[in-house]
Amino acid sequence: MALQYNLNPSQHFVSNEPKESPFKALEPDFEVRPDRIDVLLLGSGGRESAIAWKMRQSPRLGHLYIAPGNGGTGEYGENVAISPLDFEAISRFVKDKEIKMIVVGNEDPLVAGIYDYFMENGGENAPLVVGPSKAGAALEGSKDFAKQFMERHGIPTARYRSFTPETIEEGYKFLEQLNPPYVLKADGLAAGKGVLILNSLDEARKELAEMLGGKFGKSSATVVIEEFLDGIECSVFVLTDGNGGYRILPVAKDYKRIGEGDTGLNTGGMGAVSPVVFADKEFMQKVIDRIVVPTVEGLKKDNIVYRGFIFLGLIKVGDEPMVIEYNVRMGDPETEVVMLRIVGDLVDLMEAAASGDLGDRCLDHDPRYATTVMAVSGGYPGSYPKGKVMTGLDEARENAILFHAGTSLDADGKLVTSGGRVIACSALGDNIDEALAASYAAVGKIDFDGKYFRRDIGQDLKKLM
């Protein structure tokens, strides 16, 4: 039976000492249980750092391996130099280490069919996989498939049509039926670069031709054109067992643009806040009734195996929730705030979901605010240097927790930058100002050449309070 979303703070966990030790209540003192399991977590970003941090708190967790991990994930487990897309190497490692559960952090292995690979090749000893089948992963791997799924199951989303090179003239005509701005989406995965929002009809026609001509390779062999929706966005995460059971995780809002005031190029995410002031009880009940339940039940009706996380990219249009996109894993950097607010045993929950029976397992929400601010390399999301030595991390940890993303250790064991998004500074507070102050204090103490961060995370939400 699915747990109903509950916004009553009196029924949620409250820390006894939030000011003295903001993370103390989330770091339980426990004895390791005899039914603990060894887990392999696939990925190397801030999302995987946050998931590893939360799993490390579980009495169910035995040995945690992270493949390939980053410069900070070694605090929670053992980094392993295996690509998440090398299924044969993963299989050998799983057998050698007798791993019972694989948690898939990013979308690429899921779209490539890692769930199906282990179900087909693992036999009775196949590990549990937290993530959907290849068919389920198409919700993210193909925007056209996702739109058809939503249309089939009555899930509210923007009006759309899909086009190929053979139907490009029809695409031009459809653009003429829409009001600007125009939204063009590459059907397949395009590393976060496949969505264009254009104000000019001529520019939209030009980009449609370029996309269908191979601008994003095979990913834009089909292009989805959809009606622009005007509203405010949020991210809702659902953990489902594939048999109708689900749990809703804390709601978050992320900030994708590189510049303050939501200007400039899109990035993988510059920060996030949870909870989201406009995602109140009434709004979330609409989300459950109109989106979550139809999605979970629709997957079951379509005989699609889906045991893992569903990311709902939502927009509030007026007072109504609509789906912008599905992702088939947790979001980044939203995970870096969501994990701070989860009260419950994440390992136990994921094992139950991957086994197909969430039962009555509890997932509650800490009512405090969680915020994260991402420090990025100068030049990101364009070209940027790597190998910049990082300092100040010990001081930054005083009132925040650091989730490494693009970091690694050099030959001398020094922590250096290795990616565009370098490190997420996350914090809890009794209110949004408290949490943001701690996040910004932490990011201010970290130093590396070219460091950049947005200074306006959460300011739009504060205006709604």
Protein backbone atom coordinates (compact mmCIF):
# COMPACT_ATOMS: atom_id res chain seq x y z
CA MET A 1 0.00 0.00 0.00
CA ALA A 2 1.41 3.40 -0.98
CA LEU A 3 2.28 5.87 1.74
CA GLN A 4 0.22 9.04 1.44
CA TYR A 5 2.09 12.32 1.15
CA ASN A 6 1.92 14.13 4.47
CA LEU A 7 2.82 17.76 5.10
CA ASN A 8 1.98 17.86 8.80
CA PRO A 9 5.27 18.81 10.54
CA SER A 10 4.10 17.26 13.81
CA GLN A 11 4.29 13.85 12.16
CA HIS A 12 7.78 14.37 10.80
CA PHE A 13 11.20 13.94 12.35
CA VAL A 14 12.56 17.01 14.16
CA SER A 15 16.18 17.31 15.29
CA ASN A 16 16.75 18.04 18.95
CA GLU A 17 20.02 19.91 18.29
CA PRO A 18 19.89 21.50 14.84
CA LYS A 19 22.03 24.50 15.74
CA GLU A 20 24.86 22.67 17.54
CA SER A 21 25.15 19.80 15.07
CA PRO A 22 22.99 20.08 11.96
CA PHE A 23 23.75 16.54 10.83
CA LYS A 24 23.95 14.76 14.17
CA ALA A 25 20.38 13.45 14.07
CA LEU A 26 20.96 12.09 10.57
CA GLU A 27 24.05 10.09 11.61
CA PRO A 28 22.61 7.37 13.86
CA ASP A 29 24.67 5.34 16.28
CA PHE A 30 23.92 1.73 15.33
CA GLU A 31 25.24 -1.78 15.46
CA VAL A 32 25.71 -3.40 12.06
CA ARG A 33 22.89 -5.90 11.50
CA PRO A 34 23.50 -9.51 10.52
CA ASP A 35 21.32 -9.12 7.40
CA ARG A 36 23.54 -6.40 5.93
CA ILE A 37 24.20 -6.45 2.20
CA ASP A 38 27.11 -5.39 0.02
CA VAL A 39 26.18 -2.79 -2.59
CA LEU A 40 27.66 -1.48 -5.83
CA LEU A 41 26.76 2.13 -6.67
CA LEU A 42 27.34 3.20 -10.28
CA GLY A 43 28.32 6.80 -11.02
CA SER A 44 30.80 9.54 -10.24
CA GLY A 45 28.91 12.77 -9.60
CA GLY A 46 27.43 14.77 -6.77
CA ARG A 47 24.26 12.70 -6.96
CA GLU A 48 26.20 9.50 -6.28
CA SER A 49 28.13 11.20 -3.45
CA ALA A 50 24.86 12.11 -1.75
CA ILE A 51 23.35 8.65 -2.25
CA ALA A 52 26.52 7.03 -0.86
CA TRP A 53 26.43 9.38 2.15
CA LYS A 54 22.84 8.43 2.92
CA MET A 55 23.40 4.70 2.39
CA ARG A 56 26.41 4.82 4.73
CA GLN A 57 24.00 5.62 7.60
CA SER A 58 22.10 2.37 7.15
CA PRO A 59 22.63 -0.58 9.52
CA ARG A 60 21.78 -2.76 6.52
CA LEU A 61 24.84 -1.66 4.54
CA GLY A 62 27.85 -3.94 4.49
CA HIS A 63 30.59 -3.03 2.03
CA LEU A 64 29.87 -0.19 -0.39
CA TYR A 65 31.66 -0.02 -3.72
CA ILE A 66 31.38 3.02 -6.00
CA ALA A 67 32.23 2.66 -9.70
CA PRO A 68 34.06 4.76 -10.62
CA GLY A 69 33.40 7.27 -7.83
CA ASN A 70 35.28 10.56 -7.39
CA GLY A 71 37.73 12.33 -5.09
CA GLY A 72 35.27 12.37 -2.19
CA THR A 73 33.25 9.15 -2.41
CA GLY A 74 36.08 7.21 -0.76
CA GLU A 75 34.78 8.63 2.52
CA TYR A 76 31.72 6.38 2.24
CA GLY A 77 33.01 3.30 0.46
CA GLU A 78 35.62 1.92 -1.91
CA ASN A 79 36.07 3.44 -5.36
CA VAL A 80 36.40 0.91 -8.18
CA ALA A 81 37.83 1.77 -11.62
CA ILE A 82 34.98 0.31 -13.71
CA SER A 83 32.84 2.17 -16.25
CA PRO A 84 29.10 2.06 -15.48
CA LEU A 85 28.59 1.05 -19.14
CA ASP A 86 30.97 -1.94 -19.02
CA PHE A 87 28.36 -4.54 -18.10
CA GLU A 88 30.72 -7.51 -18.46
CA ALA A 89 33.28 -6.00 -16.09
CA ILE A 90 30.51 -5.09 -13.66
CA SER A 91 29.19 -8.64 -13.83
CA ARG A 92 32.61 -10.14 -13.06
CA PHE A 93 33.06 -7.74 -10.15
CA VAL A 94 29.59 -8.47 -8.75
CA LYS A 95 30.25 -12.22 -8.83
CA ASP A 96 33.72 -11.87 -7.32
CA LYS A 97 32.53 -9.67 -4.43
CA GLU A 98 29.15 -11.43 -4.00
CA ILE A 99 27.33 -8.13 -4.30
CA LYS A 100 23.61 -8.34 -3.60
CA MET A 101 22.39 -5.00 -4.97
CA ILE A 102 23.37 -2.58 -7.74
CA VAL A 103 22.21 1.03 -7.43
CA VAL A 104 22.36 2.82 -10.79
CA GLY A 105 23.06 6.51 -10.31
CA ASN A 106 22.96 7.94 -13.83
CA GLU A 107 20.74 7.31 -16.81
CA ASP A 108 23.17 5.95 -19.41
CA PRO A 109 23.44 2.37 -18.05
CA LEU A 110 19.67 2.21 -17.59
CA VAL A 111 18.93 3.33 -21.14
CA ALA A 112 21.56 0.84 -22.34
CA GLY A 113 19.70 -1.97 -20.52
CA ILE A 114 21.72 -2.85 -17.43
CA TYR A 115 18.62 -4.18 -15.66
CA ASP A 116 17.83 -6.52 -18.55
CA TYR A 117 21.47 -7.62 -18.79
CA PHE A 118 21.53 -8.90 -15.22
CA MET A 119 18.08 -10.43 -15.36
CA GLU A 120 19.02 -12.32 -18.53
CA ASN A 121 22.54 -13.36 -17.50
CA GLY A 122 22.47 -13.58 -13.73
CA GLY A 123 20.08 -16.47 -13.22
CA GLU A 124 19.00 -17.21 -9.65
CA ASN A 125 22.04 -15.39 -8.30
CA ALA A 126 21.37 -12.14 -10.17
CA PRO A 127 21.82 -9.08 -7.96
CA LEU A 128 18.92 -6.76 -7.30
CA VAL A 129 19.07 -3.72 -9.58
CA VAL A 130 17.65 -0.39 -8.40
CA GLY A 131 16.47 1.02 -11.71
CA PRO A 132 14.00 0.29 -14.49
CA SER A 133 14.22 -2.14 -17.38
CA LYS A 134 15.37 -0.83 -20.76
CA ALA A 135 11.72 -0.41 -21.71
CA GLY A 136 11.10 1.68 -18.59
CA ALA A 137 14.26 3.72 -19.15
CA ALA A 138 12.78 4.87 -22.47
CA LEU A 139 10.80 7.39 -20.40
CA GLU A 140 14.05 9.35 -20.34
CA GLY A 141 15.81 7.82 -23.33
CA SER A 142 13.07 8.88 -25.77
CA LYS A 143 11.04 12.04 -25.31
CA ASP A 144 8.65 10.87 -28.01
CA PHE A 145 8.03 7.65 -26.07
CA ALA A 146 7.48 9.63 -22.87
CA LYS A 147 4.98 11.92 -24.57
CA GLN A 148 3.09 8.96 -26.02
CA PHE A 149 3.05 7.34 -22.56
CA MET A 150 1.60 10.48 -20.98
CA GLU A 151 -0.99 10.87 -23.72
CA ARG A 152 -2.00 7.21 -23.40
CA HIS A 153 -2.50 7.43 -19.63
CA GLY A 154 -4.05 10.89 -19.40
CA ILE A 155 -1.11 12.56 -17.67
CA PRO A 156 -1.11 16.36 -18.07
CA THR A 157 1.69 17.67 -20.30
CA ALA A 158 2.25 20.23 -23.07
CA ARG A 159 0.70 19.78 -26.51
CA TYR A 160 3.29 18.27 -28.87
CA ARG A 161 4.15 16.53 -32.13
CA SER A 162 7.24 14.58 -33.20
CA PHE A 163 9.06 14.97 -36.52
CA THR A 164 11.75 13.25 -38.57
CA PRO A 165 13.73 14.46 -41.63
CA GLU A 166 10.97 13.02 -43.81
CA THR A 167 8.29 15.13 -42.09
CA ILE A 168 10.23 18.37 -41.64
CA GLU A 169 7.74 20.38 -43.72
CA GLU A 170 4.98 19.31 -41.34
CA GLY A 171 7.24 20.44 -38.52
CA TYR A 172 7.48 23.91 -40.02
CA LYS A 173 3.69 24.09 -40.26
CA PHE A 174 3.26 22.95 -36.64
CA LEU A 175 5.65 25.68 -35.47
CA GLU A 176 3.44 28.23 -37.23
CA GLN A 177 0.47 27.03 -35.15
CA LEU A 178 2.27 27.77 -31.88
CA ASN A 179 2.93 31.00 -30.06
CA PRO A 180 6.52 31.89 -29.12
CA PRO A 181 8.69 30.86 -27.42
CA TYR A 182 9.14 27.57 -29.29
CA VAL A 183 10.38 24.41 -27.55
CA LEU A 184 12.43 21.88 -29.54
CA LYS A 185 13.70 18.68 -27.92
CA ALA A 186 16.03 16.04 -29.29
CA ASP A 187 14.27 12.72 -28.82
CA GLY A 188 17.26 10.88 -27.33
CA LEU A 189 19.87 11.58 -24.66
CA ALA A 190 22.00 14.60 -25.53
CA ALA A 191 24.00 15.26 -22.35
CA GLY A 192 21.54 17.93 -21.21
CA LYS A 193 22.02 20.00 -24.39
CA GLY A 194 19.13 18.71 -26.48
CA VAL A 195 16.40 21.13 -25.38
CA LEU A 196 16.14 24.51 -27.12
CA ILE A 197 13.77 27.34 -26.22
CA LEU A 198 13.61 29.91 -29.02
CA ASN A 199 11.78 33.23 -29.33
CA SER A 200 11.91 33.62 -33.11
CA LEU A 201 9.95 31.50 -35.58
CA ASP A 202 12.74 31.81 -38.15
CA GLU A 203 15.28 30.67 -35.56
CA ALA A 204 13.04 27.75 -34.58
CA ARG A 205 12.76 26.66 -38.24
CA LYS A 206 16.53 26.91 -38.64
CA GLU A 207 17.25 24.90 -35.49
CA LEU A 208 14.70 22.24 -36.45
CA ALA A 209 16.53 21.72 -39.74
CA GLU A 210 19.91 21.57 -38.00
CA MET A 211 18.71 19.15 -35.34
CA LEU A 212 17.13 16.81 -37.87
CA GLY A 213 20.30 17.19 -39.94
CA GLY A 214 22.42 15.68 -37.17
CA LYS A 215 23.24 18.53 -34.78
CA PHE A 216 22.97 16.10 -31.83
CA GLY A 217 23.80 12.96 -33.81
CA LYS A 218 21.35 10.09 -33.53
CA SER A 219 19.73 11.76 -30.52
CA SER A 220 18.00 14.30 -32.79
CA ALA A 221 17.01 11.93 -35.60
CA THR A 222 13.54 12.62 -34.19
CA VAL A 223 12.66 16.03 -32.74
CA VAL A 224 9.75 16.75 -30.41
CA ILE A 225 8.19 20.19 -30.78
CA GLU A 226 5.96 21.18 -27.91
CA GLU A 227 3.91 24.06 -26.65
CA PHE A 228 5.73 26.35 -24.21
CA LEU A 229 4.37 26.24 -20.67
CA ASP A 230 4.66 29.34 -18.50
CA GLY A 231 5.00 28.70 -14.77
CA ILE A 232 7.36 27.76 -11.97
CA GLU A 233 9.14 24.40 -11.89
CA CYS A 234 9.92 21.80 -9.26
CA SER A 235 11.25 18.25 -9.08
CA VAL A 236 9.26 15.41 -7.52
CA PHE A 237 10.96 12.06 -6.91
CA VAL A 238 9.17 8.76 -6.54
CA LEU A 239 10.56 5.37 -5.48
CA THR A 240 8.40 2.57 -6.87
CA ASP A 241 8.47 -1.23 -6.60
CA GLY A 242 6.79 -1.92 -9.96
CA ASN A 243 3.74 -3.46 -8.30
CA GLY A 244 1.83 -0.33 -7.36
CA GLY A 245 3.80 0.53 -4.23
CA TYR A 246 5.55 3.90 -4.11
CA ARG A 247 7.05 6.47 -1.79
CA ILE A 248 7.37 10.19 -2.48
CA LEU A 249 10.69 11.75 -1.54
CA PRO A 250 11.15 15.40 -0.50
CA VAL A 251 10.31 17.88 -3.27
CA ALA A 252 13.11 20.12 -4.55
CA LYS A 253 13.74 22.99 -6.94
CA ASP A 254 16.98 23.29 -8.88
CA TYR A 255 18.67 26.13 -10.77
CA LYS A 256 19.99 25.21 -14.23
CA ARG A 257 21.22 28.48 -15.70
CA ILE A 258 24.84 29.50 -15.22
CA GLY A 259 24.02 33.15 -14.51
CA GLU A 260 22.21 34.86 -11.67
CA GLY A 261 18.60 35.70 -12.33
CA ASP A 262 18.35 32.49 -14.37
CA THR A 263 20.37 33.90 -17.27
CA GLY A 264 22.94 32.38 -19.58
CA LEU A 265 23.51 28.81 -20.71
CA ASN A 266 21.96 25.73 -19.18
CA THR A 267 24.17 23.66 -16.89
CA GLY A 268 23.80 20.40 -15.01
CA GLY A 269 22.59 22.46 -12.05
CA MET A 270 24.01 25.29 -9.96
CA GLY A 271 22.08 24.68 -6.74
CA ALA A 272 18.87 23.40 -5.19
CA VAL A 273 16.41 23.99 -2.35
CA SER A 274 14.00 21.70 -0.48
CA PRO A 275 11.15 22.00 0.54
CA VAL A 276 9.47 24.08 -2.17
CA VAL A 277 7.07 26.65 -0.79
CA PHE A 278 4.49 26.39 -3.60
CA ALA A 279 4.40 22.57 -3.51
CA ASP A 280 1.88 22.63 -0.65
CA LYS A 281 -0.51 19.89 0.43
CA GLU A 282 -3.18 20.79 -2.13
CA PHE A 283 -0.68 20.94 -5.01
CA MET A 284 0.95 17.65 -4.02
CA GLN A 285 -2.39 15.87 -3.80
CA LYS A 286 -3.00 16.91 -7.41
CA VAL A 287 0.46 15.60 -8.31
CA ILE A 288 -0.32 12.26 -6.68
CA ASP A 289 -3.79 11.88 -8.18
CA ARG A 290 -3.05 13.13 -11.69
CA ILE A 291 0.61 12.23 -12.23
CA VAL A 292 2.19 9.83 -9.73
CA VAL A 293 -0.58 7.22 -9.58
CA PRO A 294 -1.30 7.28 -13.35
CA THR A 295 2.45 6.92 -14.01
CA VAL A 296 2.94 3.99 -11.64
CA GLU A 297 -0.24 2.27 -12.77
CA GLY A 298 0.47 3.08 -16.43
CA LEU A 299 3.82 1.32 -16.29
CA LYS A 300 2.14 -1.72 -14.82
CA LYS A 301 -0.66 -1.69 -17.43
CA ASP A 302 1.94 -1.47 -20.20
CA ASN A 303 3.82 -4.46 -18.72
CA ILE A 304 6.94 -2.34 -18.23
CA VAL A 305 9.20 -3.49 -15.40
CA TYR A 306 10.10 -0.46 -13.32
CA ARG A 307 11.71 -0.84 -9.89
CA GLY A 308 13.54 2.28 -8.90
CA PHE A 309 13.40 6.08 -8.92
CA ILE A 310 11.17 8.19 -11.16
CA PHE A 311 12.06 11.85 -11.56
CA LEU A 312 9.07 14.05 -12.39
CA GLY A 313 10.12 17.39 -13.84
CA LEU A 314 6.98 19.42 -13.12
CA ILE A 315 5.75 22.91 -13.84
CA LYS A 316 2.96 24.66 -11.96
CA VAL A 317 0.78 26.44 -14.53
CA GLY A 318 -1.70 28.55 -12.60
CA ASP A 319 -2.56 26.10 -9.83
CA GLU A 320 -2.18 22.96 -11.92
CA PRO A 321 0.81 20.58 -12.15
CA MET A 322 1.98 19.42 -15.57
CA VAL A 323 4.86 17.17 -16.59
CA ILE A 324 7.77 18.71 -18.49
CA GLU A 325 9.85 15.54 -18.54
CA TYR A 326 10.56 12.20 -16.93
CA ASN A 327 13.99 11.08 -15.79
CA VAL A 328 14.59 7.50 -14.68
CA ARG A 329 16.95 8.25 -11.80
CA MET A 330 17.46 10.88 -9.13
CA GLY A 331 18.23 14.44 -10.24
CA ASP A 332 21.44 16.36 -9.72
CA PRO A 333 21.85 18.66 -7.77
CA GLU A 334 18.44 17.95 -6.21
CA THR A 335 19.75 14.72 -4.67
CA GLU A 336 22.21 16.80 -2.67
CA VAL A 337 19.28 18.33 -0.75
CA VAL A 338 16.77 15.48 -0.93
CA MET A 339 19.08 13.01 0.84
CA LEU A 340 19.50 15.44 3.75
CA ARG A 341 15.74 15.46 4.31
CA ILE A 342 15.04 11.72 4.02
CA VAL A 343 14.29 10.12 7.36
CA GLY A 344 14.45 6.36 6.95
CA ASP A 345 16.76 3.55 5.93
CA LEU A 346 17.57 4.18 2.26
CA VAL A 347 19.26 0.80 1.76
CA ASP A 348 16.23 -1.02 3.16
CA LEU A 349 13.86 1.05 1.01
CA MET A 350 15.83 0.49 -2.19
CA GLU A 351 16.17 -3.24 -1.53
CA ALA A 352 12.40 -3.49 -1.01
CA ALA A 353 11.69 -1.54 -4.20
CA ALA A 354 14.11 -3.66 -6.24
CA SER A 355 12.51 -6.80 -4.77
CA GLY A 356 9.07 -5.63 -5.91
CA ASP A 357 7.52 -5.08 -2.49
CA LEU A 358 7.84 -1.80 -0.59
CA GLY A 359 5.26 -3.08 1.89
CA ASP A 360 4.88 -0.80 4.88
CA ARG A 361 8.45 0.51 4.93
CA CYS A 362 8.63 4.05 6.21
CA LEU A 363 10.03 7.09 4.43
CA ASP A 364 9.53 10.34 6.30
CA HIS A 365 10.67 13.90 5.68
CA ASP A 366 12.75 16.15 7.94
CA PRO A 367 10.76 19.45 8.03
CA ARG A 368 13.88 21.62 8.01
CA TYR A 369 15.18 23.37 4.91
CA ALA A 370 18.03 21.90 2.92
CA THR A 371 20.02 23.93 0.40
CA THR A 372 22.98 23.27 -1.83
CA VAL A 373 25.24 25.65 -3.74
CA MET A 374 27.48 24.26 -6.49
CA ALA A 375 31.03 25.52 -6.96
CA VAL A 376 32.00 25.13 -10.62
CA SER A 377 35.10 25.55 -12.76
CA GLY A 378 35.66 28.85 -14.55
CA GLY A 379 34.42 28.57 -18.12
CA TYR A 380 31.73 25.96 -17.37
CA PRO A 381 29.43 24.97 -19.09
CA GLY A 382 31.85 25.67 -21.94
CA SER A 383 35.48 24.59 -21.92
CA TYR A 384 37.27 24.74 -18.59
CA PRO A 385 40.64 23.74 -17.10
CA LYS A 386 41.14 20.71 -14.89
CA GLY A 387 43.65 19.76 -12.23
CA LYS A 388 43.24 22.85 -10.06
CA VAL A 389 44.30 22.17 -6.45
CA MET A 390 41.48 22.56 -3.93
CA THR A 391 41.87 23.90 -0.38
CA GLY A 392 39.66 24.93 2.55
CA LEU A 393 37.49 21.81 2.67
CA ASP A 394 38.05 21.09 6.37
CA GLU A 395 36.88 24.59 7.30
CA ALA A 396 33.92 24.33 4.93
CA ARG A 397 32.67 21.20 6.72
CA GLU A 398 32.01 23.02 9.99
CA ASN A 399 28.30 23.67 9.28
CA ALA A 400 27.75 21.97 5.93
CA ILE A 401 28.32 18.69 4.17
CA LEU A 402 30.31 18.56 0.95
CA PHE A 403 29.22 16.33 -1.90
CA HIS A 404 32.05 15.94 -4.39
CA ALA A 405 31.17 15.93 -8.09
CA GLY A 406 34.05 16.80 -10.44
CA THR A 407 36.99 16.03 -8.16
CA SER A 408 39.83 13.50 -8.14
CA LEU A 409 43.13 12.82 -6.42
CA ASP A 410 46.32 13.60 -8.33
CA ALA A 411 49.54 11.54 -8.29
CA ASP A 412 50.58 13.22 -5.04
CA GLY A 413 47.25 12.51 -3.34
CA LYS A 414 46.10 16.13 -3.56
CA LEU A 415 42.43 16.86 -4.24
CA VAL A 416 42.02 18.57 -7.62
CA THR A 417 39.22 19.60 -9.93
CA SER A 418 38.31 17.16 -12.70
CA GLY A 419 34.96 18.40 -13.96
CA GLY A 420 32.80 21.44 -14.64
CA ARG A 421 30.61 21.08 -11.57
CA VAL A 422 33.17 20.53 -8.82
CA ILE A 423 31.54 20.32 -5.40
CA ALA A 424 28.12 20.88 -3.82
CA CYS A 425 27.93 22.60 -0.44
CA SER A 426 24.77 21.38 1.30
CA ALA A 427 23.30 22.43 4.64
CA LEU A 428 20.23 22.20 6.85
CA GLY A 429 18.50 25.03 8.65
CA ASP A 430 15.32 25.75 10.58
CA ASN A 431 14.44 28.16 7.75
CA ILE A 432 15.67 28.85 4.24
CA ASP A 433 17.89 31.76 5.32
CA GLU A 434 19.69 29.62 7.89
CA ALA A 435 20.34 26.83 5.41
CA LEU A 436 21.49 29.20 2.66
CA ALA A 437 23.81 31.04 5.04
CA ALA A 438 25.52 27.76 5.93
CA SER A 439 25.79 26.66 2.27
CA TYR A 440 27.27 29.99 1.22
CA ALA A 441 29.66 30.08 4.18
CA ALA A 442 30.96 26.68 3.08
CA VAL A 443 31.36 27.55 -0.59
CA GLY A 444 33.17 30.72 0.46
CA LYS A 445 35.78 28.72 2.38
CA ILE A 446 36.59 26.37 -0.50
CA ASP A 447 39.22 27.69 -2.85
CA PHE A 448 40.49 26.68 -6.29
CA ASP A 449 41.62 28.70 -9.26
CA GLY A 450 38.65 29.90 -11.32
CA LYS A 451 35.95 28.99 -8.78
CA TYR A 452 32.49 30.33 -9.63
CA PHE A 453 29.08 29.98 -7.96
CA ARG A 454 25.67 31.61 -8.18
CA ARG A 455 24.79 33.95 -5.32
CA ASP A 456 21.01 33.94 -5.80
CA ILE A 457 20.01 30.33 -5.10
CA GLY A 458 16.60 30.23 -3.41
CA GLN A 459 15.85 33.94 -3.78
CA ASP A 460 12.87 33.34 -6.06
CA LEU A 461 11.30 31.02 -3.48
CA LYS A 462 11.81 33.56 -0.70
CA LYS A 463 9.68 36.03 -2.68
CA LEU A 464 6.79 33.53 -2.56
CA MET A 465 6.88 33.10 1.23
